[in-house]
Amino acid sequence: VTAILSLAAACSSAGVVVLYSKDVDMCAVHKNIPCHSYQVSVAMAFVTWGLTAVSSHVMFWILASV
């Protein structure tokens, strides 16, 4: 459940970053918005989702083997 919620949060954050940086072009208009930092944080959210999914899978595998 935690991995699925983490994926949903990462995907929605990625959608907001794409909206601001590509669709609305907010980053080109307002130079004081740190768009690169937002993109890095979304990438880290996906990395966190991957690690949480692997952890959940391993814990389920350990539980099934007991």
C-alpha atoms as a PDB file:
ATOM      1  CA  VAL A   1       0.000   0.000   0.000  1.00  0.00           C
ATOM      2  CA  THR A   2       2.825   2.379   0.867  1.00  0.00           C
ATOM      3  CA  ALA A   3       4.563   1.755  -2.452  1.00  0.00           C
ATOM      4  CA  ILE A   4       1.388   2.459  -4.408  1.00  0.00           C
ATOM      5  CA  LEU A   5       0.740   5.684  -2.516  1.00  0.00           C
ATOM      6  CA  SER A   6       4.354   6.726  -3.027  1.00  0.00           C
ATOM      7  CA  LEU A   7       4.035   6.088  -6.771  1.00  0.00           C
ATOM      8  CA  ALA A   8       0.842   8.142  -6.902  1.00  0.00           C
ATOM      9  CA  ALA A   9       2.540  11.038  -5.126  1.00  0.00           C
ATOM     10  CA  ALA A  10       5.579  10.883  -7.411  1.00  0.00           C
ATOM     11  CA  CYS A  11       3.408  10.816 -10.529  1.00  0.00           C
ATOM     12  CA  SER A  12       1.303  13.755  -9.422  1.00  0.00           C
ATOM     13  CA  SER A  13       4.430  15.729  -8.529  1.00  0.00           C
ATOM     14  CA  ALA A  14       5.893  14.936 -11.938  1.00  0.00           C
ATOM     15  CA  GLY A  15       2.699  16.168 -13.569  1.00  0.00           C
ATOM     16  CA  VAL A  16       2.926  19.479 -11.737  1.00  0.00           C
ATOM     17  CA  VAL A  17       6.595  19.909 -12.683  1.00  0.00           C
ATOM     18  CA  VAL A  18       5.844  19.184 -16.358  1.00  0.00           C
ATOM     19  CA  LEU A  19       2.929  21.615 -16.234  1.00  0.00           C
ATOM     20  CA  TYR A  20       5.084  24.408 -14.829  1.00  0.00           C
ATOM     21  CA  SER A  21       8.249  23.815 -16.823  1.00  0.00           C
ATOM     22  CA  LYS A  22       6.936  22.738 -20.238  1.00  0.00           C
ATOM     23  CA  ASP A  23       3.253  23.552 -20.680  1.00  0.00           C
ATOM     24  CA  VAL A  24       2.857  26.912 -18.952  1.00  0.00           C
ATOM     25  CA  ASP A  25       6.556  27.795 -19.427  1.00  0.00           C
ATOM     26  CA  MET A  26       6.586  29.311 -15.970  1.00  0.00           C
ATOM     27  CA  CYS A  27      10.310  28.692 -15.528  1.00  0.00           C
ATOM     28  CA  ALA A  28      11.241  30.867 -18.511  1.00  0.00           C
ATOM     29  CA  VAL A  29       8.982  33.726 -17.421  1.00  0.00           C
ATOM     30  CA  HIS A  30       9.905  33.742 -13.730  1.00  0.00           C
ATOM     31  CA  LYS A  31      13.633  33.199 -13.281  1.00  0.00           C
ATOM     32  CA  ASN A  32      13.376  33.110  -9.470  1.00  0.00           C
ATOM     33  CA  ILE A  33      11.477  29.785  -9.450  1.00  0.00           C
ATOM     34  CA  PRO A  34      13.950  26.906  -8.880  1.00  0.00           C
ATOM     35  CA  CYS A  35      12.550  24.525 -11.518  1.00  0.00           C
ATOM     36  CA  HIS A  36      15.701  22.415 -11.587  1.00  0.00           C
ATOM     37  CA  SER A  37      15.305  21.724  -7.873  1.00  0.00           C
ATOM     38  CA  TYR A  38      11.715  20.616  -8.449  1.00  0.00           C
ATOM     39  CA  GLN A  39      12.823  18.242 -11.193  1.00  0.00           C
ATOM     40  CA  VAL A  40      15.506  16.744  -8.967  1.00  0.00           C
ATOM     41  CA  SER A  41      13.033  16.278  -6.121  1.00  0.00           C
ATOM     42  CA  VAL A  42      10.609  14.452  -8.435  1.00  0.00           C
ATOM     43  CA  ALA A  43      13.440  12.200  -9.621  1.00  0.00           C
ATOM     44  CA  MET A  44      14.255  11.430  -5.991  1.00  0.00           C
ATOM     45  CA  ALA A  45      10.578  10.659  -5.367  1.00  0.00           C
ATOM     46  CA  PHE A  46      10.688   8.021  -8.097  1.00  0.00           C
ATOM     47  CA  VAL A  47      13.904   6.586  -6.656  1.00  0.00           C
ATOM     48  CA  THR A  48      12.229   6.436  -3.250  1.00  0.00           C
ATOM     49  CA  TRP A  49       9.223   4.712  -4.797  1.00  0.00           C
ATOM     50  CA  GLY A  50      11.476   2.105  -6.379  1.00  0.00           C
ATOM     51  CA  LEU A  51      13.275   1.399  -3.127  1.00  0.00           C
ATOM     52  CA  THR A  52       9.987   1.179  -1.216  1.00  0.00           C
ATOM     53  CA  ALA A  53       8.571  -1.226  -3.800  1.00  0.00           C
ATOM     54  CA  VAL A  54      11.654  -3.445  -3.580  1.00  0.00           C
ATOM     55  CA  SER A  55      11.521  -3.378   0.206  1.00  0.00           C
ATOM     56  CA  SER A  56       7.835  -4.312   0.200  1.00  0.00           C
ATOM     57  CA  HIS A  57       8.495  -7.162  -2.201  1.00  0.00           C
ATOM     58  CA  VAL A  58      11.378  -8.510  -0.116  1.00  0.00           C
ATOM     59  CA  MET A  59       9.362  -8.307   3.102  1.00  0.00           C
ATOM     60  CA  PHE A  60       6.454 -10.141   1.472  1.00  0.00           C
ATOM     61  CA  TRP A  61       8.901 -12.790   0.178  1.00  0.00           C
ATOM     62  CA  ILE A  62      10.381 -13.232   3.680  1.00  0.00           C
ATOM     63  CA  LEU A  63       6.896 -13.471   5.183  1.00  0.00           C
ATOM     64  CA  ALA A  64       5.871 -16.104   2.631  1.00  0.00           C
ATOM     65  CA  SER A  65       8.975 -18.204   3.304  1.00  0.00           C
ATOM     66  CA  VAL A  66       8.364 -18.409   7.063  1.00  0.00           C
END
